[in-house]
Protein backbone atom coordinates (compact mmCIF):
# COMPACT_ATOMS: atom_id res chain seq x y z
CA MET A 1 33.26 48.38 21.87
CA VAL A 2 34.08 44.68 22.25
CA ASP A 3 31.80 42.83 24.64
CA LYS A 4 33.96 41.66 27.59
CA ARG A 5 31.84 38.57 28.08
CA ILE A 6 32.30 37.48 24.44
CA GLN A 7 36.04 37.47 25.09
CA ARG A 8 35.58 35.33 28.20
CA ALA A 9 33.32 32.90 26.32
CA ALA A 10 36.19 31.94 24.00
CA GLY A 11 33.96 29.82 21.80
CA SER A 12 32.61 27.65 24.64
CA MET A 13 29.01 28.83 24.42
CA ALA A 14 27.38 25.43 24.85
CA ALA A 15 29.07 24.86 28.20
CA PHE A 16 27.11 27.65 29.80
CA ALA A 17 23.80 25.86 29.26
CA VAL A 18 24.46 23.92 32.47
CA ALA A 19 26.56 26.49 34.36
CA ALA A 20 25.93 26.55 38.12
CA GLY A 21 27.49 27.40 41.46
CA PHE A 22 28.23 31.08 41.03
CA ALA A 23 30.25 32.73 43.79
CA VAL A 24 29.20 36.07 45.28
CA ALA A 25 30.15 38.30 48.19
CA ALA A 26 27.33 40.13 49.95
CA VAL A 27 27.98 43.85 50.02
CA PRO A 28 25.44 46.19 51.60
CA GLY A 29 23.88 48.82 49.37
CA THR A 30 21.97 51.97 50.07
CA ALA A 31 18.28 51.73 50.82
CA ALA A 32 15.82 54.03 49.10
CA ALA A 33 12.23 54.97 49.77
CA ALA A 34 9.52 52.78 48.25
CA SER A 35 10.68 51.02 45.07
CA GLY A 36 14.32 51.04 44.03
CA THR A 37 15.94 50.57 40.62
CA ILE A 38 19.55 50.28 39.49
CA THR A 39 20.89 50.02 35.94
CA TRP A 40 24.36 48.98 34.79
CA THR A 41 26.12 47.79 31.66
CA ASP A 42 28.72 45.13 30.86
CA GLY A 43 30.00 45.51 27.31
CA ASN A 44 26.91 45.57 25.08
CA SER A 45 24.67 44.12 27.77
CA LYS A 46 22.40 46.35 29.85
CA PHE A 47 20.75 45.28 33.09
CA THR A 48 17.94 46.93 35.04
CA ARG A 49 17.20 45.55 38.48
CA THR A 50 14.16 46.68 40.49
CA VAL A 51 12.98 45.96 44.04
CA SER A 52 9.28 46.81 44.40
CA ASN A 53 9.63 47.95 48.03
CA THR A 54 13.05 48.69 49.50
CA ASN A 55 11.58 49.63 52.91
CA PRO A 56 9.16 46.80 53.70
CA ILE A 57 7.87 45.69 57.06
CA VAL A 58 7.70 42.13 58.34
CA GLY A 59 5.07 40.16 56.44
CA ASP A 60 5.28 42.22 53.25
CA THR A 61 5.82 40.58 49.87
CA VAL A 62 8.62 42.10 47.78
CA THR A 63 8.96 41.59 44.02
CA VAL A 64 12.45 41.62 42.48
CA THR A 65 12.93 41.88 38.72
CA THR A 66 16.00 41.89 36.49
CA THR A 67 15.63 42.99 32.87
CA PHE A 68 18.22 41.94 30.28
CA GLU A 69 18.84 44.08 27.17
CA ARG A 70 21.44 44.27 24.37
CA THR A 71 22.77 47.58 23.05
CA GLY A 72 24.85 46.00 20.29
CA ILE A 73 25.33 42.80 18.32
CA PRO A 74 25.28 39.84 18.63
CA VAL A 75 22.12 38.30 20.09
CA GLU A 76 22.45 36.72 23.53
CA TYR A 77 20.50 33.75 24.86
CA ILE A 78 19.87 33.71 28.62
CA TYR A 79 20.58 30.25 30.04
CA ALA A 80 20.19 30.67 33.80
CA VAL A 81 19.67 33.36 36.45
CA LYS A 82 20.66 33.24 40.11
CA ASP A 83 18.99 35.86 42.32
CA PHE A 84 20.71 36.63 45.64
CA HIS A 85 18.55 37.80 48.55
CA PRO A 86 18.83 38.21 52.36
CA ALA A 87 18.39 34.81 54.02
CA CYS A 88 15.54 36.22 56.13
CA LEU A 89 13.43 36.58 52.96
CA THR A 90 11.50 33.50 51.91
CA PRO A 91 10.86 32.87 48.19
CA VAL A 92 7.15 32.75 47.38
CA ALA A 93 6.21 29.41 45.83
CA GLY A 94 5.29 29.69 42.16
CA SER A 95 6.50 33.29 41.83
CA GLY A 96 9.41 32.63 39.46
CA LYS A 97 8.92 34.07 35.97
CA MET A 98 11.08 34.62 32.91
CA GLY A 99 9.82 36.54 29.90
CA GLY A 100 6.34 36.34 31.42
CA ASP A 101 6.47 32.55 31.66
CA GLN A 102 6.28 30.78 35.02
CA VAL A 103 9.55 28.94 35.67
CA ASP A 104 10.75 26.47 38.27
CA LEU A 105 13.07 27.79 40.96
CA ASP A 106 15.78 26.01 42.91
CA THR A 107 15.01 27.36 46.40
CA THR A 108 16.54 24.64 48.56
CA SER A 109 20.25 24.67 47.69
CA SER A 110 20.99 27.82 49.69
CA PRO A 111 19.05 30.12 52.06
CA ASP A 112 20.27 33.27 50.28
CA TRP A 113 19.69 32.62 46.59
CA VAL A 114 17.24 31.12 44.12
CA ARG A 115 18.16 29.86 40.66
CA ALA A 116 16.23 29.21 37.45
CA GLN A 117 17.63 27.43 34.38
CA PHE A 118 16.16 27.61 30.87
CA GLY A 119 16.46 26.00 27.46
CA ILE A 120 19.47 27.34 25.57
CA THR A 121 17.33 28.93 22.81
CA LYS A 122 14.29 29.79 24.94
CA TYR A 123 15.04 33.40 25.91
CA PRO A 124 16.97 35.41 23.29
CA VAL A 125 17.75 39.12 23.67
CA TYR A 126 18.25 40.91 20.34
CA PRO A 127 19.81 44.36 19.89
CA ASN A 128 17.61 45.41 16.97
CA ILE A 129 14.57 43.12 16.64
CA GLN A 130 12.05 41.70 19.08
CA PRO A 131 12.43 40.49 21.73
CA LYS A 132 14.77 43.29 22.75
CA SER A 133 14.53 42.36 26.43
CA GLN A 134 13.77 39.51 28.82
CA THR A 135 12.75 39.98 32.46
CA PHE A 136 13.33 37.57 35.32
CA GLU A 137 11.01 37.94 38.34
CA VAL A 138 10.75 36.41 41.80
CA GLN A 139 8.82 37.33 44.95
CA TYR A 140 9.92 37.12 48.59
CA LYS A 141 8.10 37.23 51.93
CA VAL A 142 9.82 39.40 54.57
CA GLY A 143 10.54 37.35 57.70
CA VAL A 144 10.43 38.36 61.35
CA ASN A 145 14.12 37.44 61.70
CA CYS A 146 15.27 40.22 59.36
CA ALA A 147 17.53 42.86 60.88
CA ARG A 148 15.72 46.17 61.20
CA ASP A 149 16.86 49.50 59.74
CA THR A 150 19.92 47.80 58.22
CA PRO A 151 20.60 47.72 54.46
CA LEU A 152 20.49 44.08 53.29
CA SER A 153 22.16 43.41 49.95
CA THR A 154 20.60 41.87 46.85
CA THR A 155 22.24 41.12 43.52
CA MET A 156 22.27 38.53 40.75
CA ASP A 157 24.45 36.32 38.56
CA TYR A 158 23.53 34.80 35.23
CA SER A 159 24.88 32.66 32.40
CA GLY A 160 24.20 33.09 28.73
CA SER A 161 25.50 32.33 25.27
CA LEU A 162 28.08 35.15 25.58
CA GLY A 163 29.45 34.03 28.92
CA ASP A 164 28.84 34.50 32.63
CA GLY A 165 27.87 37.73 34.33
CA ASN A 166 28.97 37.79 37.98
CA TYR A 167 27.81 40.87 39.89
CA THR A 168 28.52 41.02 43.61
CA ASP A 169 27.23 44.40 44.73
CA LYS A 170 24.52 45.72 42.44
CA GLY A 171 21.47 45.98 44.70
CA PRO A 172 19.11 47.62 45.28
CA ALA A 173 19.42 46.98 49.00
CA ILE A 174 16.38 46.14 51.13
CA THR A 175 16.00 47.84 54.53
CA VAL A 176 13.31 46.29 56.71
CA SER A 177 11.64 49.00 58.77
CA SER A 178 11.43 48.76 62.53
CA ASP A 179 8.16 47.52 63.95
CA ALA A 180 5.73 50.30 64.79
CA LEU A 181 4.97 50.79 68.47
CA SER A 182 1.56 49.76 69.73
CA THR A 183 -0.56 50.73 72.71
CA THR A 184 -2.99 48.41 74.49
CA THR A 185 -5.67 49.75 76.80
CA LEU A 186 -8.32 48.02 78.91
CA THR A 187 -11.81 49.41 79.22
CA ASP A 188 -12.84 50.31 82.78
CA VAL A 189 -14.97 47.69 84.52
CA THR A 190 -17.40 48.82 87.22
CA GLY A 191 -20.04 47.01 89.22
CA ALA A 192 -18.49 43.58 88.83
CA GLN A 193 -20.12 40.95 91.05
CA THR A 194 -19.42 37.33 91.87
CA ASN A 195 -20.97 34.70 89.62
CA LYS A 196 -22.10 37.32 87.11
CA PRO A 197 -20.52 37.52 83.62
CA VAL A 198 -18.51 40.65 82.89
CA THR A 199 -16.98 41.64 79.56
CA LEU A 200 -13.30 42.52 79.46
CA GLU A 201 -12.37 44.59 76.40
CA ALA A 202 -8.90 45.53 75.17
CA SER A 203 -8.20 48.08 72.43
CA VAL A 204 -5.01 48.04 70.37
CA SER A 205 -3.63 51.09 68.59
CA PRO A 206 -2.89 51.32 65.68
CA ALA A 207 -6.16 49.55 65.05
CA ALA A 208 -6.20 46.70 62.53
CA ALA A 209 -6.90 43.01 62.41
CA GLY A 210 -4.05 40.69 63.32
CA GLY A 211 -2.44 39.20 66.38
CA THR A 212 -4.12 38.17 69.60
CA VAL A 213 -4.73 39.56 73.06
CA GLN A 214 -4.09 37.28 76.02
CA PHE A 215 -6.33 38.08 79.00
CA LYS A 216 -5.29 37.13 82.53
CA ALA A 217 -6.91 37.50 85.94
CA GLY A 218 -3.99 37.48 88.32
CA ASP A 219 -1.78 34.59 87.16
CA GLN A 220 -4.60 32.67 85.51
CA VAL A 221 -4.80 32.83 81.72
CA LEU A 222 -8.38 33.41 80.64
CA GLY A 223 -7.85 33.11 76.88
CA ASP A 224 -6.08 34.32 73.73
CA ILE A 225 -8.53 36.23 71.57
CA PRO A 226 -7.89 37.46 67.98
CA VAL A 227 -7.84 41.21 67.43
CA ALA A 228 -10.63 42.44 65.16
CA ALA A 229 -10.30 45.00 62.37
CA THR A 230 -11.43 47.66 64.86
CA GLY A 231 -8.41 46.87 67.03
CA THR A 232 -10.57 45.40 69.80
CA SER A 233 -10.55 42.05 71.54
CA THR A 234 -13.07 40.88 74.17
CA ILE A 235 -13.62 38.01 76.54
CA VAL A 236 -16.42 37.25 79.02
CA TRP A 237 -15.24 36.48 82.55
CA THR A 238 -17.30 35.29 85.51
CA PRO A 239 -15.43 35.95 88.78
CA GLY A 240 -16.00 33.28 91.42
CA ALA A 241 -15.27 35.33 94.54
CA ALA A 242 -15.13 38.89 95.77
CA GLY A 243 -11.86 40.80 95.86
CA THR A 244 -9.56 42.96 93.77
CA TYR A 245 -8.17 41.34 90.64
CA THR A 246 -5.33 42.51 88.41
CA ILE A 247 -6.52 42.08 84.85
CA THR A 248 -3.76 41.93 82.23
CA ALA A 249 -4.19 42.26 78.46
CA THR A 250 -1.10 41.41 76.38
CA PHE A 251 -1.14 42.10 72.64
CA SER A 252 1.03 39.59 70.76
CA GLY A 253 1.94 42.02 67.98
CA ARG A 254 1.37 41.54 64.25
CA PRO A 255 3.60 41.92 61.19
CA GLY A 256 5.22 45.34 61.40
CA VAL A 257 3.68 46.20 64.78
CA ALA A 258 5.26 45.38 68.14
CA GLY A 259 3.33 43.92 71.05
CA SER A 260 2.24 45.78 74.18
CA THR A 261 0.59 45.17 77.56
CA ALA A 262 -1.99 46.87 79.76
CA THR A 263 -3.18 46.15 83.30
CA LYS A 264 -6.16 47.30 85.29
CA SER A 265 -7.52 46.57 88.75
CA VAL A 266 -11.07 45.29 88.90
CA THR A 267 -12.98 45.14 92.16
CA VAL A 268 -15.52 42.34 92.47
CA THR A 269 -18.17 42.41 95.18
CA ASP A 270 -20.36 39.63 96.56
CA PRO A 271 -23.90 40.99 96.86
CA THR A 272 -24.83 38.27 99.36
CA SER A 273 -21.88 38.28 101.75
CA GLY A 274 -19.71 41.22 100.65
CA GLY A 275 -16.55 39.13 101.02
CA GLY A 276 -14.83 36.04 99.85
CA LYS A 277 -11.38 35.06 98.78
CA PRO A 278 -10.68 35.91 95.14
CA ASN A 279 -10.14 33.23 92.55
CA THR A 280 -10.09 33.35 88.77
CA GLY A 281 -13.68 32.16 88.31
CA SER A 282 -14.82 31.03 84.88
CA PHE A 283 -14.66 32.66 81.47
CA GLY A 284 -16.02 32.45 77.96
CA PHE A 285 -15.69 34.17 74.60
């Protein structure tokens, strides 16, 4: 079978060493669980494209690889690869690789693709001797601005000694999972008295480190405290006057987990006078 891209090359192999500006139309694919792989052929060229996690959450790092192979003569030299990704994914600095070598990436020309260019004899792909394949790799960080539960397309273009390969809808698609719901609870506080420190404790479920809890007494912000690995966050508050206070704990959320809020009424007594107008007092942590 005649390689279609050899026909398109028409003897102008050297021109592709500096080819750039590929055009592509984003077409959604179908998301799959965990990693996803798709393979296709174009003449005697075979391509295998893999997304390490097609159902990530915000904050995850996703690795995308494209492997180039030849199923028939002649040899092909890979000149440049352009990897298309959802604009809400951020390329990880230093993650570009070709044939195991770290390569420089153009990450600033467009928010939805990265491009690497190589020497014209650097990365050959032979049909019958080594190397029989070359793999391009790049990593992306999943951003909070990604649409949730919506297939987001990925694909690639490349140029080589046999011509250009322009592929608009190959995938695999990436579907960012919705943030998990969280629950915030406040521990009961009893026996609170004026001018005596009291510990306010919030617990976040699912428990893990990440995010902060903002504590408030009425409208007064007491502090924003990081959530520990146990899912707890605490602050020490010293009420300045007797009364009933509405304590609010607001979890900011963390990658893949939505925020939540809890409130609780705390009664503060004055052991000397039994009264007093409430104020926010002082606090520490």
